[in-house]
C-alpha atoms as a PDB file:
ATOM      1  CA  UNK A   1      58.369 178.547  87.752  1.00  0.00           C
ATOM      2  CA  UNK A   2      61.032 180.898  89.444  1.00  0.00           C
ATOM      3  CA  UNK A   3      62.580 183.252  87.498  1.00  0.00           C
ATOM      4  CA  UNK A   4      66.672 183.906  87.295  1.00  0.00           C
ATOM      5  CA  UNK A   5      68.108 187.416  87.448  1.00  0.00           C
ATOM      6  CA  UNK A   6      71.754 186.682  88.367  1.00  0.00           C
ATOM      7  CA  UNK A   7      74.185 185.326  90.743  1.00  0.00           C
ATOM      8  CA  UNK A   8      76.387 187.170  93.608  1.00  0.00           C
ATOM      9  CA  UNK A   9      80.001 186.433  93.946  1.00  0.00           C
ATOM     10  CA  UNK A  10      82.305 187.627  96.709  1.00  0.00           C
ATOM     11  CA  UNK A  11      85.764 186.492  96.700  1.00  0.00           C
ATOM     12  CA  UNK A  12      87.587 184.838  99.625  1.00  0.00           C
ATOM     13  CA  UNK A  13      90.809 182.650  99.506  1.00  0.00           C
ATOM     14  CA  UNK A  14      92.776 181.503 102.596  1.00  0.00           C
ATOM     15  CA  UNK A  15      90.528 182.747 105.791  1.00  0.00           C
ATOM     16  CA  UNK A  16      87.580 183.394 104.015  1.00  0.00           C
ATOM     17  CA  UNK A  17      85.512 181.456 101.483  1.00  0.00           C
ATOM     18  CA  UNK A  18      84.423 182.537  98.066  1.00  0.00           C
ATOM     19  CA  UNK A  19      80.858 182.633  97.888  1.00  0.00           C
ATOM     20  CA  UNK A  20      78.200 182.522  95.243  1.00  0.00           C
ATOM     21  CA  UNK A  21      74.339 183.132  95.756  1.00  0.00           C
ATOM     22  CA  UNK A  22      71.737 182.680  93.075  1.00  0.00           C
ATOM     23  CA  UNK A  23      68.648 185.542  92.846  1.00  0.00           C
ATOM     24  CA  UNK A  24      65.405 184.063  91.584  1.00  0.00           C
ATOM     25  CA  UNK A  25      61.885 185.835  91.292  1.00  0.00           C
ATOM     26  CA  UNK A  26      58.737 183.997  92.155  1.00  0.00           C
ATOM     27  CA  UNK A  27      55.569 186.295  91.990  1.00  0.00           C
ATOM     28  CA  UNK A  28      56.083 188.957  94.171  1.00  0.00           C
ATOM     29  CA  UNK A  29      58.762 187.309  96.188  1.00  0.00           C
ATOM     30  CA  UNK A  30      62.675 186.606  95.878  1.00  0.00           C
ATOM     31  CA  UNK A  31      64.804 183.483  96.400  1.00  0.00           C
ATOM     32  CA  UNK A  32      68.683 183.280  97.543  1.00  0.00           C
ATOM     33  CA  UNK A  33      70.073 180.067  96.991  1.00  0.00           C
ATOM     34  CA  UNK A  34      73.559 179.599  98.197  1.00  0.00           C
ATOM     35  CA  UNK A  35      75.463 178.116  95.032  1.00  0.00           C
ATOM     36  CA  UNK A  36      78.966 177.885  96.124  1.00  0.00           C
ATOM     37  CA  UNK A  37      81.124 178.701  99.614  1.00  0.00           C
ATOM     38  CA  UNK A  38      84.619 177.213  99.463  1.00  0.00           C
ATOM     39  CA  UNK A  39      87.726 178.237 100.364  1.00  0.00           C
ATOM     40  CA  UNK A  40      91.242 177.988  98.590  1.00  0.00           C
ATOM     41  CA  UNK A  41      89.662 178.262  95.366  1.00  0.00           C
ATOM     42  CA  UNK A  42      91.367 179.607  91.925  1.00  0.00           C
ATOM     43  CA  UNK A  43      89.692 181.833  89.322  1.00  0.00           C
ATOM     44  CA  UNK A  44      89.575 178.967  86.937  1.00  0.00           C
ATOM     45  CA  UNK A  45      88.045 176.540  89.387  1.00  0.00           C
ATOM     46  CA  UNK A  46      85.225 179.527  90.294  1.00  0.00           C
ATOM     47  CA  UNK A  47      84.303 179.983  86.655  1.00  0.00           C
ATOM     48  CA  UNK A  48      84.006 176.346  86.561  1.00  0.00           C
ATOM     49  CA  UNK A  49      81.645 176.859  89.088  1.00  0.00           C
ATOM     50  CA  UNK A  50      79.658 179.684  87.478  1.00  0.00           C
ATOM     51  CA  UNK A  51      79.096 178.450  83.982  1.00  0.00           C
ATOM     52  CA  UNK A  52      75.890 179.657  82.378  1.00  0.00           C
ATOM     53  CA  UNK A  53      75.380 182.354  85.358  1.00  0.00           C
ATOM     54  CA  UNK A  54      75.413 185.999  84.720  1.00  0.00           C
ATOM     55  CA  UNK A  55      77.622 187.077  87.733  1.00  0.00           C
ATOM     56  CA  UNK A  56      77.829 190.243  89.557  1.00  0.00           C
ATOM     57  CA  UNK A  57      81.047 189.894  91.713  1.00  0.00           C
ATOM     58  CA  UNK A  58      83.170 192.220  94.271  1.00  0.00           C
ATOM     59  CA  UNK A  59      84.356 195.199  92.373  1.00  0.00           C
ATOM     60  CA  UNK A  60      87.567 194.932  94.383  1.00  0.00           C
ATOM     61  CA  UNK A  61      89.063 192.452  92.429  1.00  0.00           C
ATOM     62  CA  UNK A  62      89.033 193.276  88.747  1.00  0.00           C
ATOM     63  CA  UNK A  63      92.109 191.379  88.098  1.00  0.00           C
ATOM     64  CA  UNK A  64      89.966 188.054  89.637  1.00  0.00           C
ATOM     65  CA  UNK A  65      86.739 189.157  87.432  1.00  0.00           C
ATOM     66  CA  UNK A  66      88.817 189.473  84.188  1.00  0.00           C
ATOM     67  CA  UNK A  67      90.356 186.335  84.745  1.00  0.00           C
ATOM     68  CA  UNK A  68      87.045 184.392  85.131  1.00  0.00           C
ATOM     69  CA  UNK A  69      85.663 186.556  82.401  1.00  0.00           C
ATOM     70  CA  UNK A  70      88.290 185.168  80.252  1.00  0.00           C
ATOM     71  CA  UNK A  71      87.134 181.214  81.179  1.00  0.00           C
ATOM     72  CA  UNK A  72      83.761 182.507  79.445  1.00  0.00           C
ATOM     73  CA  UNK A  73      81.702 183.532  82.470  1.00  0.00           C
ATOM     74  CA  UNK A  74      79.645 186.550  82.016  1.00  0.00           C
ATOM     75  CA  UNK A  75      80.736 189.102  85.009  1.00  0.00           C
ATOM     76  CA  UNK A  76      80.763 192.417  86.228  1.00  0.00           C
ATOM     77  CA  UNK A  77      81.711 194.178  89.363  1.00  0.00           C
ATOM     78  CA  UNK A  78      79.290 195.426  91.616  1.00  0.00           C
ATOM     79  CA  UNK A  79      78.756 198.881  91.888  1.00  0.00           C
ATOM     80  CA  UNK A  80      80.166 200.229  94.975  1.00  0.00           C
ATOM     81  CA  UNK A  81      79.820 203.799  96.431  1.00  0.00           C
ATOM     82  CA  UNK A  82      80.467 205.447  99.746  1.00  0.00           C
ATOM     83  CA  UNK A  83      77.170 203.900 101.460  1.00  0.00           C
ATOM     84  CA  UNK A  84      76.675 200.896  99.239  1.00  0.00           C
ATOM     85  CA  UNK A  85      76.821 198.444 102.374  1.00  0.00           C
ATOM     86  CA  UNK A  86      74.227 200.134 103.977  1.00  0.00           C
ATOM     87  CA  UNK A  87      72.060 200.517 100.725  1.00  0.00           C
ATOM     88  CA  UNK A  88      72.421 196.741 100.280  1.00  0.00           C
ATOM     89  CA  UNK A  89      71.161 195.608 103.773  1.00  0.00           C
ATOM     90  CA  UNK A  90      68.529 197.883 103.494  1.00  0.00           C
ATOM     91  CA  UNK A  91      67.334 196.870  99.993  1.00  0.00           C
ATOM     92  CA  UNK A  92      67.033 193.510 101.574  1.00  0.00           C
ATOM     93  CA  UNK A  93      65.641 194.512 104.190  1.00  0.00           C
ATOM     94  CA  UNK A  94      62.928 195.522 102.370  1.00  0.00           C
ATOM     95  CA  UNK A  95      61.464 192.614 100.315  1.00  0.00           C
ATOM     96  CA  UNK A  96      60.555 189.125 101.071  1.00  0.00           C
ATOM     97  CA  UNK A  97      63.360 187.055 100.677  1.00  0.00           C
ATOM     98  CA  UNK A  98      63.407 183.383 100.868  1.00  0.00           C
ATOM     99  CA  UNK A  99      66.297 181.400 101.274  1.00  0.00           C
ATOM    100  CA  UNK A 100      66.328 177.454  99.817  1.00  0.00           C
ATOM    101  CA  UNK A 101      66.864 175.273 102.746  1.00  0.00           C
ATOM    102  CA  UNK A 102      70.247 174.083 101.288  1.00  0.00           C
ATOM    103  CA  UNK A 103      71.282 177.644 101.846  1.00  0.00           C
ATOM    104  CA  UNK A 104      73.444 176.598 105.001  1.00  0.00           C
ATOM    105  CA  UNK A 105      76.206 178.835 105.324  1.00  0.00           C
ATOM    106  CA  UNK A 106      73.638 181.823 104.012  1.00  0.00           C
ATOM    107  CA  UNK A 107      71.098 181.368 106.969  1.00  0.00           C
ATOM    108  CA  UNK A 108      73.641 181.195 109.684  1.00  0.00           C
ATOM    109  CA  UNK A 109      75.452 184.541 108.190  1.00  0.00           C
ATOM    110  CA  UNK A 110      72.155 186.221 107.724  1.00  0.00           C
ATOM    111  CA  UNK A 111      71.284 184.946 111.781  1.00  0.00           C
ATOM    112  CA  UNK A 112      74.667 186.848 112.807  1.00  0.00           C
ATOM    113  CA  UNK A 113      74.884 189.338 110.858  1.00  0.00           C
ATOM    114  CA  UNK A 114      75.218 192.603 112.690  1.00  0.00           C
ATOM    115  CA  UNK A 115      76.733 196.001 112.971  1.00  0.00           C
ATOM    116  CA  UNK A 116      79.849 197.230 114.464  1.00  0.00           C
ATOM    117  CA  UNK A 117      79.368 199.345 117.563  1.00  0.00           C
ATOM    118  CA  UNK A 118      81.961 202.087 119.028  1.00  0.00           C
ATOM    119  CA  UNK A 119      82.802 201.777 122.701  1.00  0.00           C
ATOM    120  CA  UNK A 120      79.796 203.447 124.024  1.00  0.00           C
ATOM    121  CA  UNK A 121      78.000 201.001 122.511  1.00  0.00           C
ATOM    122  CA  UNK A 122      76.504 203.046 119.551  1.00  0.00           C
ATOM    123  CA  UNK A 123      75.857 201.666 116.331  1.00  0.00           C
ATOM    124  CA  UNK A 124      77.997 201.713 113.547  1.00  0.00           C
ATOM    125  CA  UNK A 125      76.531 202.312 109.881  1.00  0.00           C
ATOM    126  CA  UNK A 126      78.506 199.116 108.944  1.00  0.00           C
ATOM    127  CA  UNK A 127      78.118 195.023 110.091  1.00  0.00           C
ATOM    128  CA  UNK A 128      81.284 193.621 111.258  1.00  0.00           C
ATOM    129  CA  UNK A 129      83.676 191.738 109.366  1.00  0.00           C
ATOM    130  CA  UNK A 130      82.486 188.736 109.912  1.00  0.00           C
ATOM    131  CA  UNK A 131      79.466 186.298 108.965  1.00  0.00           C
ATOM    132  CA  UNK A 132      79.292 188.765 105.823  1.00  0.00           C
ATOM    133  CA  UNK A 133      80.414 186.877 103.017  1.00  0.00           C
ATOM    134  CA  UNK A 134      77.246 185.167 101.588  1.00  0.00           C
ATOM    135  CA  UNK A 135      75.486 188.277 102.656  1.00  0.00           C
ATOM    136  CA  UNK A 136      77.945 190.277 100.529  1.00  0.00           C
ATOM    137  CA  UNK A 137      77.367 188.027  97.467  1.00  0.00           C
ATOM    138  CA  UNK A 138      73.870 188.607  98.153  1.00  0.00           C
ATOM    139  CA  UNK A 139      74.138 192.198  98.505  1.00  0.00           C
ATOM    140  CA  UNK A 140      76.009 192.623  95.189  1.00  0.00           C
ATOM    141  CA  UNK A 141      73.375 190.800  92.994  1.00  0.00           C
ATOM    142  CA  UNK A 142      70.529 192.480  95.326  1.00  0.00           C
ATOM    143  CA  UNK A 143      71.799 196.077  94.549  1.00  0.00           C
ATOM    144  CA  UNK A 144      71.974 195.153  91.249  1.00  0.00           C
ATOM    145  CA  UNK A 145      68.093 193.464  90.292  1.00  0.00           C
ATOM    146  CA  UNK A 146      65.965 195.304  93.342  1.00  0.00           C
ATOM    147  CA  UNK A 147      64.492 198.426  93.611  1.00  0.00           C
ATOM    148  CA  UNK A 148      63.495 200.110  96.641  1.00  0.00           C
ATOM    149  CA  UNK A 149      60.198 199.231  97.954  1.00  0.00           C
ATOM    150  CA  UNK A 150      57.915 197.935 100.441  1.00  0.00           C
ATOM    151  CA  UNK A 151      59.298 196.693 104.060  1.00  0.00           C
ATOM    152  CA  UNK A 152      59.795 193.017 104.195  1.00  0.00           C
ATOM    153  CA  UNK A 153      61.094 190.133 106.338  1.00  0.00           C
ATOM    154  CA  UNK A 154      63.856 187.425 105.853  1.00  0.00           C
ATOM    155  CA  UNK A 155      61.867 184.016 105.694  1.00  0.00           C
ATOM    156  CA  UNK A 156      63.717 180.278 105.216  1.00  0.00           C
ATOM    157  CA  UNK A 157      61.910 178.141 102.772  1.00  0.00           C
ATOM    158  CA  UNK A 158      61.513 174.639 103.430  1.00  0.00           C
END
């Protein structure tokens, strides 16, 4: 069967959802499974959804990471450097990745994810700040577990 590798977590609250994505490996394929997509969640509620998971979260929220860890969840912050967004995107694009059919928001985001452009229409090296919550959670867990190998593409698992 598929081997669980870990969970990526992107924090949200009022306007943005908190999202969590599990990463599995099956043979030479990786599988992303959306397990959480919800606004208005407090850290103790997030922790309740992540019991038994090994979580890599947005390191921009150390207080949230600490509170979730105090609830008994194994959680660390994602390593983010200057080009971490582009690196994570390219890493995901370089593997064959399936998405479970229940990962509806992840699939929608993947279809709508695009890079920002300057006023002359030239693509910039960062994505538009929309349709990126599941994608960010996916980047955090992919950056931790995947090495850059060959070029792949997204498929949607049925």
